[in-house]
């Protein structure tokens, strides 16, 4: 995949995840590899983590996806 197409896809995936989760994934990073996509970041609930995963699945339904988003409680 060309570098510009790779960068554009990564940007579109980030936008999709932010839109799907209401920007509730902190420090979102999407790692694109030739054989898989890896989601990184942190969220306060498993529901938000799952929403992020579904955002990727909407755009890339057949890609191998690893969801490494950490679920962490926010200190009040």
N, C-alpha and C. Protein backbone atom coordinates (compact mmCIF):
# COMPACT_ATOMS: atom_id res chain seq x y z
N UNK A 1 0.85 -1.17 0.00
CA UNK A 1 0.00 0.00 0.00
C UNK A 1 0.91 1.24 0.00
N UNK A 2 0.60 2.21 -0.83
CA UNK A 2 1.38 3.43 -0.90
C UNK A 2 1.29 4.19 0.42
N UNK A 3 2.36 4.92 0.72
CA UNK A 3 2.43 5.63 1.99
C UNK A 3 1.27 6.61 2.18
N UNK A 4 0.90 7.36 1.12
CA UNK A 4 -0.20 8.32 1.26
C UNK A 4 -1.54 7.62 1.45
N UNK A 5 -1.74 6.51 0.75
CA UNK A 5 -2.98 5.74 0.91
C UNK A 5 -3.03 5.13 2.31
N UNK A 6 -1.89 4.67 2.79
CA UNK A 6 -1.77 4.10 4.14
C UNK A 6 -2.13 5.15 5.18
N UNK A 7 -1.56 6.33 5.03
CA UNK A 7 -1.83 7.44 5.96
C UNK A 7 -3.29 7.88 5.91
N UNK A 8 -3.85 7.93 4.71
CA UNK A 8 -5.25 8.32 4.54
C UNK A 8 -6.18 7.30 5.20
N UNK A 9 -5.90 6.02 5.01
CA UNK A 9 -6.72 4.97 5.62
C UNK A 9 -6.64 5.07 7.14
N UNK A 10 -5.45 5.29 7.67
CA UNK A 10 -5.29 5.42 9.12
C UNK A 10 -6.10 6.61 9.64
N UNK A 11 -6.06 7.73 8.94
CA UNK A 11 -6.83 8.91 9.33
C UNK A 11 -8.33 8.62 9.30
N UNK A 12 -8.80 7.96 8.25
CA UNK A 12 -10.22 7.62 8.13
C UNK A 12 -10.66 6.68 9.26
N UNK A 13 -9.81 5.71 9.60
CA UNK A 13 -10.14 4.78 10.68
C UNK A 13 -10.21 5.52 12.02
N UNK A 14 -9.26 6.43 12.26
CA UNK A 14 -9.29 7.21 13.49
C UNK A 14 -10.56 8.06 13.56
N UNK A 15 -10.92 8.68 12.46
CA UNK A 15 -12.14 9.49 12.41
C UNK A 15 -13.37 8.61 12.71
N UNK A 16 -13.40 7.43 12.13
CA UNK A 16 -14.53 6.51 12.34
C UNK A 16 -14.64 6.11 13.81
N UNK A 17 -13.52 5.79 14.43
CA UNK A 17 -13.54 5.38 15.84
C UNK A 17 -13.97 6.56 16.72
N UNK A 18 -13.43 7.75 16.44
CA UNK A 18 -13.83 8.92 17.23
C UNK A 18 -15.33 9.20 17.09
N UNK A 19 -15.83 9.09 15.86
CA UNK A 19 -17.25 9.34 15.62
C UNK A 19 -18.11 8.28 16.33
N UNK A 20 -17.68 7.06 16.25
CA UNK A 20 -18.45 5.95 16.83
C UNK A 20 -18.46 6.00 18.36
N UNK A 21 -17.36 6.46 18.95
CA UNK A 21 -17.23 6.43 20.41
C UNK A 21 -17.48 7.79 21.06
N UNK A 22 -17.78 8.81 20.28
CA UNK A 22 -17.93 10.15 20.85
C UNK A 22 -16.62 10.65 21.43
N UNK A 23 -15.51 10.25 20.83
CA UNK A 23 -14.15 10.63 21.25
C UNK A 23 -13.85 10.19 22.68
N UNK A 24 -14.43 9.07 23.10
CA UNK A 24 -14.22 8.59 24.47
C UNK A 24 -13.05 7.62 24.60
N UNK A 25 -12.29 7.43 23.52
CA UNK A 25 -11.06 6.64 23.62
C UNK A 25 -9.91 7.64 23.72
N UNK A 26 -9.24 7.63 24.84
CA UNK A 26 -8.11 8.54 25.04
C UNK A 26 -6.84 7.95 24.42
N UNK A 27 -6.01 8.83 23.89
CA UNK A 27 -4.72 8.43 23.30
C UNK A 27 -4.89 7.36 22.23
N UNK A 28 -5.90 7.51 21.40
CA UNK A 28 -6.16 6.53 20.34
C UNK A 28 -4.99 6.46 19.38
N UNK A 29 -4.55 5.25 19.10
CA UNK A 29 -3.54 5.01 18.08
C UNK A 29 -3.96 3.76 17.33
N UNK A 30 -3.92 3.84 16.02
CA UNK A 30 -4.29 2.69 15.20
C UNK A 30 -3.06 2.25 14.43
N UNK A 31 -2.65 1.02 14.69
CA UNK A 31 -1.47 0.45 14.07
C UNK A 31 -1.91 -0.40 12.88
N UNK A 32 -1.47 -0.03 11.69
CA UNK A 32 -1.81 -0.78 10.49
C UNK A 32 -0.63 -1.64 10.08
N UNK A 33 -0.85 -2.92 10.02
CA UNK A 33 0.16 -3.87 9.57
C UNK A 33 -0.40 -4.56 8.33
N UNK A 34 0.45 -5.26 7.63
CA UNK A 34 -0.02 -5.92 6.41
C UNK A 34 -1.06 -7.00 6.70
N UNK A 35 -0.97 -7.64 7.88
CA UNK A 35 -1.88 -8.74 8.18
C UNK A 35 -2.93 -8.43 9.23
N UNK A 36 -2.88 -7.23 9.85
CA UNK A 36 -3.84 -6.94 10.91
C UNK A 36 -3.89 -5.45 11.23
N UNK A 37 -4.90 -5.08 12.03
CA UNK A 37 -5.05 -3.73 12.56
C UNK A 37 -5.07 -3.87 14.08
N UNK A 38 -4.31 -3.00 14.77
CA UNK A 38 -4.27 -3.04 16.22
C UNK A 38 -4.74 -1.69 16.76
N UNK A 39 -5.71 -1.73 17.66
CA UNK A 39 -6.20 -0.52 18.33
C UNK A 39 -5.50 -0.35 19.65
N UNK A 40 -5.02 0.87 19.93
CA UNK A 40 -4.38 1.19 21.20
C UNK A 40 -5.08 2.41 21.78
N UNK A 41 -5.02 2.55 23.09
CA UNK A 41 -5.60 3.70 23.77
C UNK A 41 -6.19 3.25 25.09
N UNK A 42 -7.02 4.11 25.67
CA UNK A 42 -7.68 3.73 26.91
C UNK A 42 -9.10 4.28 26.92
N UNK A 43 -9.96 3.55 27.60
CA UNK A 43 -11.38 3.90 27.72
C UNK A 43 -11.82 3.60 29.15
N UNK A 44 -12.93 4.19 29.54
CA UNK A 44 -13.42 3.96 30.90
C UNK A 44 -14.38 2.78 31.01
N UNK A 45 -14.87 2.28 29.87
CA UNK A 45 -15.80 1.14 29.91
C UNK A 45 -15.49 0.15 28.78
N UNK A 46 -15.89 -1.10 28.99
CA UNK A 46 -15.76 -2.10 27.94
C UNK A 46 -16.68 -1.78 26.77
N UNK A 47 -17.78 -1.11 27.04
CA UNK A 47 -18.71 -0.72 25.99
C UNK A 47 -18.03 0.21 24.98
N UNK A 48 -17.29 1.19 25.47
CA UNK A 48 -16.57 2.11 24.57
C UNK A 48 -15.51 1.35 23.80
N UNK A 49 -14.83 0.43 24.45
CA UNK A 49 -13.83 -0.39 23.78
C UNK A 49 -14.48 -1.17 22.63
N UNK A 50 -15.66 -1.72 22.88
CA UNK A 50 -16.38 -2.48 21.86
C UNK A 50 -16.87 -1.57 20.73
N UNK A 51 -17.31 -0.35 21.07
CA UNK A 51 -17.73 0.59 20.03
C UNK A 51 -16.58 0.91 19.09
N UNK A 52 -15.40 1.08 19.63
CA UNK A 52 -14.22 1.35 18.80
C UNK A 52 -13.97 0.19 17.84
N UNK A 53 -14.08 -1.01 18.34
CA UNK A 53 -13.87 -2.19 17.51
C UNK A 53 -14.90 -2.26 16.39
N UNK A 54 -16.15 -1.97 16.70
CA UNK A 54 -17.20 -1.99 15.68
C UNK A 54 -16.99 -0.90 14.64
N UNK A 55 -16.41 0.23 15.05
CA UNK A 55 -16.09 1.28 14.08
C UNK A 55 -15.11 0.80 13.02
N UNK A 56 -14.11 0.05 13.45
CA UNK A 56 -13.14 -0.51 12.50
C UNK A 56 -13.82 -1.57 11.63
N UNK A 57 -14.62 -2.42 12.25
CA UNK A 57 -15.30 -3.50 11.51
C UNK A 57 -16.22 -2.95 10.41
N UNK A 58 -16.81 -1.79 10.64
CA UNK A 58 -17.68 -1.20 9.61
C UNK A 58 -16.90 -0.89 8.35
N UNK A 59 -15.65 -0.46 8.51
CA UNK A 59 -14.84 -0.08 7.36
C UNK A 59 -14.03 -1.24 6.80
N UNK A 60 -13.57 -2.12 7.68
CA UNK A 60 -12.72 -3.25 7.27
C UNK A 60 -13.28 -4.54 7.86
N UNK A 61 -14.37 -5.05 7.30
CA UNK A 61 -15.06 -6.19 7.93
C UNK A 61 -14.27 -7.50 7.93
N UNK A 62 -13.28 -7.64 7.05
CA UNK A 62 -12.60 -8.94 6.95
C UNK A 62 -11.15 -8.91 7.41
N UNK A 63 -10.74 -7.80 8.01
CA UNK A 63 -9.35 -7.70 8.46
C UNK A 63 -9.22 -8.33 9.84
N UNK A 64 -8.05 -8.87 10.13
CA UNK A 64 -7.77 -9.39 11.47
C UNK A 64 -7.58 -8.18 12.38
N UNK A 65 -8.33 -8.13 13.46
CA UNK A 65 -8.35 -6.97 14.34
C UNK A 65 -7.97 -7.36 15.76
N UNK A 66 -7.02 -6.63 16.33
CA UNK A 66 -6.63 -6.83 17.72
C UNK A 66 -6.99 -5.56 18.48
N UNK A 67 -7.82 -5.70 19.49
CA UNK A 67 -8.26 -4.55 20.27
C UNK A 67 -7.46 -4.52 21.57
N UNK A 68 -6.42 -3.67 21.60
CA UNK A 68 -5.55 -3.55 22.77
C UNK A 68 -5.89 -2.31 23.59
N UNK A 69 -7.10 -1.78 23.41
CA UNK A 69 -7.54 -0.63 24.20
C UNK A 69 -7.68 -1.09 25.66
N UNK A 70 -7.09 -0.34 26.58
CA UNK A 70 -7.16 -0.69 28.00
C UNK A 70 -8.39 -0.02 28.61
N UNK A 71 -9.09 -0.76 29.46
CA UNK A 71 -10.22 -0.21 30.18
C UNK A 71 -9.73 0.17 31.58
N UNK A 72 -9.81 1.47 31.87
CA UNK A 72 -9.28 1.99 33.12
C UNK A 72 -10.32 2.90 33.78
N UNK A 73 -10.43 2.77 35.06
CA UNK A 73 -11.31 3.67 35.82
C UNK A 73 -10.65 5.03 35.92
N UNK A 74 -11.46 6.07 35.84
CA UNK A 74 -10.96 7.42 35.97
C UNK A 74 -10.95 7.80 37.44
N UNK A 75 -9.83 8.31 37.93
CA UNK A 75 -9.74 8.75 39.32
C UNK A 75 -10.47 10.07 39.48
N UNK A 76 -11.31 10.13 40.50
CA UNK A 76 -12.10 11.35 40.74
C UNK A 76 -11.53 12.11 41.90
